[in-house]
Protein backbone atom coordinates (compact mmCIF):
# COMPACT_ATOMS: atom_id res chain seq x y z
CA MET A 1 -2.18 -41.78 -9.58
CA LYS A 2 -2.09 -42.28 -5.71
CA THR A 3 -0.33 -39.11 -3.74
CA THR A 4 1.27 -39.08 -0.31
CA ILE A 5 -1.17 -36.49 0.74
CA GLU A 6 -4.44 -37.28 0.16
CA THR A 7 -5.82 -33.74 1.39
CA TYR A 8 -5.27 -30.65 -1.26
CA ALA A 9 -4.05 -27.20 -1.11
CA LEU A 10 -5.95 -24.39 -2.73
CA VAL A 11 -4.19 -21.17 -4.04
CA THR A 12 -5.18 -18.05 -5.23
CA GLY A 13 -3.34 -15.83 -7.59
CA ALA A 14 -1.19 -19.12 -8.89
CA SER A 15 -0.33 -18.41 -12.71
CA GLN A 16 2.54 -16.59 -11.53
CA GLY A 17 5.43 -14.64 -9.14
CA LEU A 18 5.16 -15.93 -5.53
CA GLY A 19 1.56 -17.86 -6.28
CA LYS A 20 3.64 -19.95 -8.78
CA ALA A 21 6.20 -20.59 -6.78
CA ILE A 22 3.96 -21.74 -3.51
CA CYS A 23 2.64 -24.10 -5.64
CA GLU A 24 6.09 -25.61 -7.41
CA GLU A 25 7.18 -25.92 -3.28
CA LEU A 26 3.70 -27.91 -2.36
CA ALA A 27 4.28 -30.32 -5.18
CA LEU A 28 7.53 -30.93 -4.19
CA LYS A 29 5.78 -32.21 -0.93
CA LYS A 30 3.27 -34.62 -2.65
CA THR A 31 0.45 -32.21 -2.14
CA ASN A 32 -2.49 -32.22 -4.73
CA LEU A 33 -3.52 -28.54 -5.67
CA LEU A 34 -6.32 -26.35 -6.52
CA LEU A 35 -5.05 -23.24 -8.70
CA ALA A 36 -7.05 -20.54 -8.91
CA SER A 37 -6.28 -17.12 -11.11
CA LEU A 38 -7.30 -14.74 -13.64
CA GLY A 39 -8.06 -15.95 -17.00
CA GLY A 40 -5.22 -16.08 -19.69
CA GLU A 41 -2.28 -16.31 -17.51
CA GLY A 42 -1.37 -19.81 -18.44
CA LEU A 43 -3.25 -21.58 -15.83
CA PRO A 44 -3.84 -24.66 -17.40
CA GLU A 45 -0.36 -25.17 -18.71
CA LEU A 46 0.66 -24.88 -15.17
CA ALA A 47 -1.67 -26.91 -13.88
CA HIS A 48 -0.89 -29.83 -16.41
CA THR A 49 2.75 -29.33 -15.68
CA LEU A 50 2.79 -29.54 -11.96
CA LYS A 51 0.60 -32.42 -12.53
CA ALA A 52 3.17 -34.35 -15.27
CA LYS A 53 6.20 -33.11 -12.91
CA HIS A 54 5.16 -34.11 -9.53
CA GLY A 55 2.45 -37.13 -10.31
CA ILE A 56 -0.59 -35.10 -8.16
CA ASP A 57 -3.45 -34.09 -8.79
CA VAL A 58 -4.15 -31.05 -10.24
CA GLN A 59 -6.88 -28.74 -10.63
CA TYR A 60 -7.69 -25.05 -11.78
CA TYR A 61 -10.33 -22.56 -11.87
CA GLU A 62 -10.22 -19.11 -13.89
CA THR A 63 -11.79 -16.50 -12.39
CA ASP A 64 -11.43 -12.69 -11.02
CA LEU A 65 -12.11 -12.69 -7.26
CA CYS A 66 -12.65 -8.55 -7.29
CA LEU A 67 -16.05 -9.43 -8.84
CA GLU A 68 -18.79 -9.81 -6.32
CA ARG A 69 -19.74 -13.75 -6.85
CA SER A 70 -16.80 -14.69 -7.59
CA VAL A 71 -15.32 -15.78 -4.21
CA TYR A 72 -18.70 -17.82 -3.35
CA ASP A 73 -18.46 -19.79 -6.48
CA LEU A 74 -14.60 -20.32 -6.02
CA ALA A 75 -15.45 -21.38 -2.61
CA GLY A 76 -17.92 -23.94 -3.86
CA TRP A 77 -15.94 -25.68 -6.98
CA ALA A 78 -13.63 -25.75 -4.19
CA SER A 79 -15.45 -27.32 -1.76
CA GLU A 80 -16.01 -30.55 -3.29
CA TYR A 81 -12.45 -31.61 -2.76
CA PRO A 82 -10.96 -32.06 0.44
CA VAL A 83 -9.22 -29.36 1.15
CA SER A 84 -6.64 -28.46 4.21
CA ILE A 85 -4.40 -25.67 3.19
CA LEU A 86 -5.74 -22.46 2.39
CA ILE A 87 -2.92 -19.71 0.28
CA ASN A 88 -4.85 -16.26 -0.26
CA ASN A 89 -2.10 -15.22 -2.54
CA ALA A 90 -3.77 -12.93 -4.67
CA GLY A 91 -3.22 -9.36 -4.47
CA THR A 92 -2.57 -6.34 -6.33
CA GLY A 93 -1.42 -2.78 -5.13
CA GLY A 94 0.34 0.18 -7.09
CA THR A 95 2.20 3.60 -6.67
CA MET A 96 0.50 6.85 -7.79
CA ALA A 97 -1.06 9.56 -6.01
CA PHE A 98 -4.30 9.40 -3.87
CA GLU A 99 -6.18 12.10 -5.97
CA SER A 100 -4.65 10.49 -9.29
CA ALA A 101 -5.97 7.34 -8.71
CA THR A 102 -9.57 5.67 -10.10
CA VAL A 103 -12.29 4.62 -7.83
CA ARG A 104 -11.77 1.49 -9.80
CA TYR A 105 -8.42 1.41 -8.90
CA ILE A 106 -8.55 1.68 -5.23
CA ASP A 107 -11.80 -0.89 -5.20
CA THR A 108 -9.81 -3.39 -6.74
CA ILE A 109 -7.35 -3.07 -4.00
CA ILE A 110 -10.23 -3.08 -1.40
CA GLN A 111 -12.20 -6.30 -3.14
CA LEU A 112 -9.16 -8.05 -3.82
CA ASN A 113 -6.63 -7.63 -0.85
CA ILE A 114 -9.48 -7.43 2.16
CA ARG A 115 -12.84 -8.83 0.97
CA ALA A 116 -11.73 -12.21 -1.17
CA THR A 117 -8.96 -13.13 1.86
CA SER A 118 -11.59 -12.50 4.58
CA LEU A 119 -14.46 -14.03 2.96
CA LEU A 120 -12.68 -16.96 1.25
CA THR A 121 -11.33 -17.69 4.51
CA ARG A 122 -14.80 -17.87 6.02
CA LEU A 123 -16.12 -19.99 3.33
CA MET A 124 -13.39 -22.78 3.24
CA LEU A 125 -12.75 -22.52 7.17
CA PRO A 126 -15.75 -25.26 7.82
CA PHE A 127 -14.45 -27.28 4.89
CA ILE A 128 -10.79 -27.21 6.44
CA ARG A 129 -12.18 -28.18 9.84
CA LYS A 130 -12.91 -31.67 8.11
CA GLN A 131 -9.61 -32.78 8.23
CA SER A 132 -7.21 -34.10 10.53
CA ARG A 133 -5.28 -30.94 10.55
CA GLY A 134 -5.62 -27.81 8.32
CA PHE A 135 -3.47 -24.52 7.66
CA ILE A 136 -4.50 -21.41 6.72
CA LEU A 137 -1.99 -18.89 4.71
CA ASN A 138 -2.63 -15.61 4.22
CA VAL A 139 -0.18 -12.95 2.15
CA ALA A 140 0.78 -9.52 3.46
CA SER A 141 3.36 -7.33 2.75
CA MET A 142 6.31 -5.32 4.69
CA ALA A 143 4.39 -2.63 3.20
CA SER A 144 1.59 -3.71 6.31
CA PHE A 145 3.93 -2.26 9.33
CA SER A 146 3.90 1.51 7.66
CA PRO A 147 1.53 3.64 5.88
CA ILE A 148 3.51 4.98 2.81
CA ALA A 149 2.50 7.91 0.68
CA PHE A 150 1.65 7.30 -2.60
CA LYS A 151 0.52 4.18 -2.21
CA THR A 152 -1.94 4.78 0.86
CA VAL A 153 -4.36 2.42 0.18
CA TYR A 154 -2.25 -0.65 -0.73
CA PRO A 155 -0.41 -1.02 2.90
CA ALA A 156 -3.57 -0.14 4.52
CA SER A 157 -4.94 -3.39 2.90
CA LYS A 158 -2.20 -5.33 4.12
CA ALA A 159 -2.08 -4.18 7.66
CA PHE A 160 -5.85 -5.52 7.46
CA VAL A 161 -4.82 -8.56 6.25
CA TRP A 162 -2.24 -8.97 9.23
CA SER A 163 -4.33 -7.67 11.73
CA PHE A 164 -7.39 -10.58 10.75
CA THR A 165 -5.14 -13.12 10.63
CA ARG A 166 -3.69 -12.85 13.56
CA GLY A 167 -6.73 -12.52 15.59
CA LEU A 168 -8.12 -15.53 13.38
CA THR A 169 -4.96 -17.55 15.23
CA GLU A 170 -5.62 -16.86 18.17
CA GLU A 171 -9.64 -18.22 17.62
CA LEU A 172 -8.29 -21.01 16.33
CA ARG A 173 -5.82 -22.17 19.35
CA GLY A 174 -6.11 -25.32 20.18
CA THR A 175 -8.32 -26.58 17.06
CA ASN A 176 -6.97 -28.72 14.47
CA VAL A 177 -6.21 -25.67 12.05
CA PHE A 178 -3.41 -22.96 12.51
CA ALA A 179 -3.67 -19.56 10.40
CA SER A 180 -0.40 -17.77 9.93
CA VAL A 181 0.48 -14.55 7.80
CA LEU A 182 3.73 -13.90 5.67
CA HIS A 183 4.88 -10.44 4.72
CA PRO A 184 6.95 -10.40 1.75
CA GLY A 185 9.71 -8.15 1.41
CA PRO A 186 10.48 -7.13 -2.70
CA MET A 187 10.13 -9.48 -4.85
CA LYS A 188 10.48 -9.18 -8.89
CA THR A 189 7.26 -10.90 -9.86
CA ASN A 190 6.32 -9.77 -13.06
CA PRO A 191 8.27 -7.05 -14.96
CA ASP A 192 6.09 -4.37 -13.79
CA VAL A 193 6.90 -5.11 -10.08
CA SER A 194 10.17 -5.26 -11.08
CA SER A 195 10.06 -2.31 -13.07
CA ARG A 196 9.21 -0.57 -10.22
CA ILE A 197 11.02 -1.92 -7.49
CA GLU A 198 14.02 -0.75 -9.79
CA LYS A 199 13.16 2.96 -10.39
CA GLN A 200 12.60 3.02 -5.81
CA GLY A 201 16.41 2.91 -5.96
CA PHE A 202 18.71 0.52 -3.78
CA VAL A 203 17.27 1.19 -0.34
CA ALA A 204 13.81 -0.38 -1.61
CA GLN A 205 15.92 -3.82 -2.99
CA VAL A 206 17.15 -4.20 0.59
CA GLY A 207 16.02 -7.57 1.96
CA LEU A 208 15.15 -8.11 -1.92
CA LEU A 209 14.61 -12.04 -2.61
CA SER A 210 13.22 -14.30 -5.14
CA PRO A 211 9.78 -15.55 -5.50
CA GLU A 212 11.04 -18.77 -4.73
CA GLN A 213 12.97 -18.08 -1.85
CA THR A 214 10.23 -16.67 0.13
CA ALA A 215 7.52 -19.52 -0.83
CA ARG A 216 10.14 -22.15 0.49
CA ILE A 217 10.92 -20.08 3.53
CA ALA A 218 7.12 -19.50 3.95
CA ILE A 219 5.58 -23.00 3.60
CA ARG A 220 8.66 -24.22 5.97
CA GLN A 221 7.93 -21.92 8.38
CA LEU A 222 3.97 -22.38 7.85
CA PHE A 223 4.42 -26.39 8.86
CA ARG A 224 6.07 -25.13 11.81
CA HIS A 225 3.62 -23.43 13.28
CA ASP A 226 5.25 -20.11 12.47
CA THR A 227 2.30 -17.15 13.21
CA LEU A 228 4.45 -14.16 12.06
CA ILE A 229 6.59 -14.99 8.52
CA ILE A 230 9.13 -12.30 8.05
CA PRO A 231 12.10 -14.11 4.79
CA GLY A 232 14.83 -13.14 4.58
CA PHE A 233 17.39 -11.62 7.65
CA LEU A 234 17.43 -7.72 6.09
CA ASN A 235 13.50 -7.81 6.32
CA GLN A 236 13.39 -9.44 9.67
CA VAL A 237 15.80 -6.49 10.39
CA SER A 238 13.74 -3.91 8.73
CA TRP A 239 10.77 -5.05 10.64
CA LEU A 240 12.57 -4.30 13.95
CA LEU A 241 13.87 -0.88 12.98
CA MET A 242 9.77 -0.32 11.94
CA ARG A 243 9.02 -0.47 15.24
CA ILE A 244 11.23 1.17 16.92
CA ILE A 245 11.46 4.28 14.85
CA PRO A 246 8.86 6.93 15.46
CA ILE A 247 5.79 7.17 12.92
CA TRP A 248 6.57 10.72 12.29
CA ILE A 249 10.26 9.88 11.20
CA ARG A 250 9.31 6.55 9.28
CA LEU A 251 6.41 8.26 7.12
CA PRO A 252 8.85 10.53 5.45
CA LEU A 253 11.56 8.19 4.69
CA VAL A 254 9.84 5.38 3.59
CA SER A 255 7.20 8.00 1.33
CA ARG A 256 10.68 9.29 -0.03
CA ILE A 257 11.67 5.84 -1.74
CA VAL A 258 8.25 5.50 -3.27
CA ARG A 259 8.19 9.74 -4.58
CA ARG A 260 11.20 8.64 -6.43
CA GLU A 261 9.45 6.23 -8.94
CA ILE A 262 6.96 8.50 -9.61
CA ALA A 263 9.73 11.15 -10.39
CA LEU A 264 11.35 8.52 -12.51
CA LYS A 265 8.29 7.61 -14.39
CA THR A 266 7.09 11.41 -14.88
CA ALA A 267 10.34 11.84 -16.68
CA TYR A 268 10.63 9.08 -18.09
CA HIS A 269 6.87 9.55 -20.01
CA SER A 270 7.80 13.36 -20.07
CA ALA A 271 11.17 12.21 -22.49
CA ALA A 272 8.64 9.92 -24.63
C-alpha cells in the first residue's frame, strides 16, 4: 500500500517500552518502519500489527546488538531501504554494587549503550544523507546528568550518548541531517524496570511519564529540531537543579534513592 512518506525509520529496541511507543508514534505519521530488537520479544507480531493498523510498510530484524558483528549486519540490512530517520533506542542498565557486577554485565552496558549507538550512527549516516532530509535521535537518560552510586557504568554510558550526540549535532549543522538527544525520566517500560522504580520510593517517581507520553514528545520535538529533549516539566526542573546543585551534594542525594532500592531488594531475598 502506498504511504505518504516513502522513506523509512530504523528503530532499535523496538519491541517494547519506549521503542515500541516510538514506532507507534511514527506509524501515526505514516512513516515506514524498520524494527530491530532481540529475538523472542514479539517483534514479528508487532510488525504485523503496525502494518495492518496504519497501512505502512514494516520490516523487522531480530538481533543482539551486543554481539561484535551484529551492528554491521543490521546496518547492511537497513541500508537496502531508503532510511531517513534513525532512532538509537536500544539500551540497558541495572542496579547493583560495582564490585558485585560481573564483567559480562558491565560489558553489555558498554556494548549496547555506547558501541552500538555510535557505530550504528556512523554506518547509517551516509545513507541518511542521501535523503532530502534526515533525523537521528539518540536516547540517553536523566541519569546522564549525574553520576550515581550503585549504577556507576549506566549513567556514565548515557553521559557518553549525551556528549556524543551534542557533538554530532554541531558537526551536522547546515546539512540535511539533524541529530537530537532524548533524556527520558522514569518510565515503567517493563515489569523489571517498574519494580525498580517502585522500590526507589516517591522521589524516584517524580517526573514519571508513560512510554507513550515520552514518545509523543520526543518525535514532536525531534521534527521541530529541538537539540535537547527532556520530556515533562518536572524532569526539566530536575535538570535545572542538577546543573545548580554541586556534585558533592547531588551525588549522595541521588545515590541514596538507589541505595533504598538495594536495601529493599536485599530484605526481600532475605525474607524469601
